[in-house]
Protein backbone atom coordinates (compact mmCIF):
# COMPACT_ATOMS: atom_id res chain seq x y z
CA MET A 1 -1.66 -19.30 9.14
CA THR A 2 -1.37 -19.33 12.92
CA TRP A 3 2.42 -19.48 12.85
CA TRP A 4 2.54 -16.61 10.37
CA LEU A 5 0.27 -14.38 12.48
CA ALA A 6 2.35 -15.21 15.53
CA ALA A 7 5.59 -14.43 13.69
CA ARG A 8 4.18 -11.13 12.43
CA ARG A 9 2.82 -10.30 15.91
CA ALA A 10 -0.26 -9.05 14.12
CA HIS A 11 -2.60 -9.23 17.10
CA PRO A 12 -0.73 -6.90 19.49
CA TYR A 13 0.68 -4.53 16.89
CA LEU A 14 -2.39 -4.06 14.72
CA THR A 15 -4.81 -3.99 17.63
CA CYS A 16 -2.77 -1.22 19.19
CA GLY A 17 -2.26 0.65 15.89
CA LEU A 18 -5.89 0.55 14.78
CA GLY A 19 -7.08 1.27 18.32
CA CYS A 20 -4.89 4.38 18.50
CA PHE A 21 -6.14 5.35 15.06
CA ALA A 22 -9.78 5.18 16.18
CA VAL A 23 -9.14 7.05 19.44
CA LEU A 24 -7.17 9.80 17.68
CA ILE A 25 -9.99 10.30 15.19
CA LEU A 26 -12.44 10.78 18.05
CA VAL A 27 -10.10 13.19 19.82
CA SER A 28 -8.90 15.14 16.77
CA ARG A 29 -12.13 15.75 14.86
CA ASP A 30 -11.82 19.03 12.90
CA TYR A 31 -9.39 20.70 15.30
CA LEU A 32 -6.69 22.99 13.98
CA VAL A 33 -3.33 23.62 15.60
CA SER A 34 -0.86 26.42 15.00
CA LEU A 35 2.65 25.31 14.05
CA PRO A 36 4.38 28.61 13.31
CA SER A 37 7.84 27.05 13.24
CA ILE A 38 7.11 24.82 10.22
CA THR A 39 4.10 26.33 8.48
CA PRO A 40 4.43 29.31 6.20
CA SER A 41 2.94 32.52 7.60
CA GLY A 42 2.16 30.70 10.84
CA GLY A 43 -0.86 28.96 9.32
CA GLN A 44 -2.99 26.41 11.10
CA VAL A 45 -2.75 22.68 10.44
CA LEU A 46 -5.51 20.10 10.63
CA VAL A 47 -4.64 17.62 13.37
CA MET A 48 -6.38 14.85 11.44
CA LEU A 49 -3.51 14.82 8.91
CA PHE A 50 -1.28 13.15 11.52
CA VAL A 51 -3.83 10.56 12.69
CA PRO A 52 -2.95 7.74 10.18
CA LEU A 53 0.68 7.54 11.35
CA PRO A 54 0.10 4.93 14.13
CA VAL A 55 -1.44 2.55 11.57
CA CYS A 56 1.64 2.89 9.34
CA VAL A 57 3.97 2.24 12.27
CA ALA A 58 2.00 -0.82 13.40
CA LEU A 59 1.97 -2.25 9.87
CA MET A 60 5.71 -1.76 9.45
CA MET A 61 6.39 -3.44 12.81
CA CYS A 62 4.35 -6.43 11.64
CA LEU A 63 6.15 -6.68 8.31
CA GLU A 64 9.56 -6.37 9.94
CA SER A 65 8.80 -9.16 12.44
CA GLY A 66 9.65 -12.76 11.80
CA LEU A 67 12.65 -14.59 10.38
CA ARG A 68 13.42 -13.01 7.01
CA HIS A 69 15.96 -15.57 5.76
CA ALA A 70 13.78 -18.51 6.72
CA GLU A 71 10.82 -16.92 4.95
CA GLN A 72 12.82 -16.32 1.78
CA THR A 73 13.97 -19.93 1.60
CA GLY A 74 10.67 -21.49 2.70
CA ILE A 75 7.98 -22.88 0.43
CA ARG A 76 5.02 -21.00 1.93
CA ARG A 77 3.81 -17.90 0.11
CA VAL A 78 4.71 -15.40 2.82
CA ALA A 79 4.62 -12.41 0.45
CA LEU A 80 1.07 -13.31 -0.58
CA MET A 81 0.00 -13.54 3.05
CA ASP A 82 1.73 -10.23 3.81
CA ASN A 83 -0.22 -8.62 0.98
CA GLY A 84 -3.42 -10.04 2.44
CA LEU A 85 -2.50 -8.54 5.80
CA ILE A 86 -1.80 -5.15 4.21
CA LEU A 87 -5.12 -5.20 2.37
CA CYS A 88 -6.99 -6.11 5.58
CA VAL A 89 -5.33 -3.24 7.46
CA ALA A 90 -6.20 -0.81 4.65
CA LEU A 91 -9.83 -1.94 4.61
CA ALA A 92 -10.03 -1.77 8.41
CA ALA A 93 -8.62 1.78 8.44
CA THR A 94 -11.08 2.79 5.71
CA ALA A 95 -14.00 1.27 7.63
CA ILE A 96 -12.96 2.98 10.88
CA GLY A 97 -12.64 6.30 9.06
CA ALA A 98 -16.05 5.93 7.41
CA ALA A 99 -17.75 4.93 10.66
CA SER A 100 -16.12 7.80 12.52
CA ALA A 101 -17.18 10.28 9.84
CA GLN A 102 -20.80 9.15 10.22
CA LEU A 103 -20.61 9.22 14.01
CA LEU A 104 -18.91 12.60 14.32
CA THR A 105 -20.30 14.29 11.17
CA SER A 106 -16.74 15.50 10.68
CA PRO A 107 -15.54 16.52 7.19
CA ALA A 108 -11.95 15.78 8.17
CA ALA A 109 -12.83 12.23 9.25
CA HIS A 110 -14.19 11.47 5.76
CA ALA A 111 -10.65 11.62 4.36
CA VAL A 112 -8.71 9.91 7.15
CA GLY A 113 -9.24 6.36 5.86
CA ARG A 114 -8.11 7.32 2.36
CA ASN A 115 -5.12 9.15 3.82
CA ALA A 116 -4.14 6.06 5.82
CA VAL A 117 -4.26 3.96 2.63
CA PHE A 118 -2.13 6.49 0.75
CA LEU A 119 0.49 6.83 3.50
CA MET A 120 0.74 3.04 3.82
CA GLY A 121 1.32 2.92 0.07
CA ILE A 122 4.09 5.53 0.27
CA MET A 123 5.74 3.58 3.09
CA LEU A 124 5.59 0.29 1.19
CA ILE A 125 6.93 1.88 -2.00
CA MET A 126 9.96 3.14 -0.08
CA ARG A 127 10.50 -0.10 1.87
CA PRO A 128 12.62 -1.95 -0.76
CA ILE A 129 14.95 1.05 -0.85
CA MET A 130 15.01 2.18 2.78
CA GLY A 131 14.19 -1.01 4.65
CA SER A 132 12.61 -0.47 8.05
CA ALA A 133 13.52 3.24 7.85
CA ALA A 134 10.65 3.58 5.34
CA VAL A 135 8.40 3.99 8.39
CA LEU A 136 9.59 7.61 8.33
CA ALA A 137 8.22 8.20 4.82
CA PRO A 138 4.59 8.81 5.90
CA ALA A 139 5.68 11.31 8.55
CA GLY A 140 7.89 13.02 5.97
CA TRP A 141 4.97 13.26 3.56
CA VAL A 142 2.70 14.75 6.24
CA ILE A 143 5.34 17.34 7.12
CA ALA A 144 5.86 18.17 3.43
CA VAL A 145 2.11 18.66 3.03
CA THR A 146 2.05 20.82 6.15
CA VAL A 147 4.84 23.05 4.88
CA LEU A 148 4.31 23.08 1.10
CA GLY A 149 0.93 21.45 0.47
CA ARG A 150 -1.13 24.61 -0.08
CA THR A 151 -0.88 27.53 -2.45
CA SER A 152 -0.94 31.15 -1.34
CA ALA A 153 -4.72 31.01 -1.84
CA HIS A 154 -4.87 28.12 0.69
CA THR A 155 -6.01 25.59 -1.91
CA PRO A 156 -4.37 22.13 -1.78
CA ARG A 157 -1.67 21.39 -4.33
CA PRO A 158 -2.43 18.40 -6.59
CA TRP A 159 0.48 16.29 -5.25
CA SER A 160 -0.46 16.74 -1.59
CA ILE A 161 -3.42 14.27 -1.63
CA LEU A 162 -4.08 14.47 2.13
CA PRO A 163 -5.95 17.82 2.39
CA TYR A 164 -8.48 16.95 -0.31
CA ARG A 165 -12.05 16.03 0.54
CA GLY A 166 -12.66 12.38 1.32
CA ASP A 167 -15.15 11.99 -1.55
CA ASP A 168 -12.70 13.19 -4.22
CA PRO A 169 -12.64 10.24 -6.67
CA VAL A 170 -9.26 11.12 -8.20
CA MET A 171 -7.48 11.27 -4.86
CA LEU A 172 -9.19 8.06 -3.75
CA ALA A 173 -7.92 6.32 -6.89
CA VAL A 174 -4.41 7.69 -6.35
CA ALA A 175 -4.40 6.43 -2.74
CA TRP A 176 -5.35 2.87 -3.71
CA LEU A 177 -2.96 2.93 -6.66
CA ALA A 178 -0.11 3.89 -4.32
CA LEU A 179 -1.05 0.98 -2.05
CA ALA A 180 -1.17 -1.43 -5.02
CA VAL A 181 2.30 -0.35 -6.15
CA GLY A 182 3.61 -0.75 -2.61
CA MET A 183 2.08 -4.21 -2.31
CA ALA A 184 3.78 -5.22 -5.56
CA GLY A 185 7.08 -4.21 -3.94
CA ILE A 186 6.61 -6.81 -1.19
CA HIS A 187 7.99 -9.36 -3.68
CA ILE A 188 11.23 -7.39 -4.22
CA PRO A 189 14.02 -8.90 -2.10
CA ARG A 190 15.51 -6.53 0.45
CA ASN A 191 18.56 -4.60 -0.75
CA ARG A 192 17.73 -5.33 -4.41
CA LEU A 193 17.34 -1.59 -4.97
CA GLN A 194 20.34 0.49 -4.00
CA LEU A 195 20.74 4.21 -4.09
CA PRO A 196 23.86 5.49 -5.94
CA TRP A 197 25.51 6.70 -2.74
CA GLN A 198 24.93 3.49 -0.78
């Protein structure tokens, strides 16, 4: 276990990622920012939508560390340990989000843990196809939600997930389902899935 944590560099990466996550929640709260260049009609965007990205980056850096060929030929269950690490990060992000929501009485903070789980799931789903470039998938999703995630009546679209209230049971289930699918993909060897133009 010690060698695996050292190979994954879990202590520095995840400490930094989850620490940034907590600090950004405290700083962001329910603040809105105008992004007229990417939002339709110059609408305002909730800063909290971007807060889970450091956790996704830290997790990807952990998963991409180590000796891939040695792990694939070894007898230890590295994929199982990686899934345990992913689950721990997801639970830690959820706990930080819940604690922050209670501390700040912020409606936006109620959803940030769920959003982190969902964005990690999206990243892991794309990882067998994109490799380490899948770290861009959460940022792409956030930008898509920012640009297209609301109707003209400013209600969230069903696919957007992120703008919904944190206590929405359907969106919570979708977030954890996305993470479960992504964790199942940990067992897929890299480059098994190829796009037609690759």
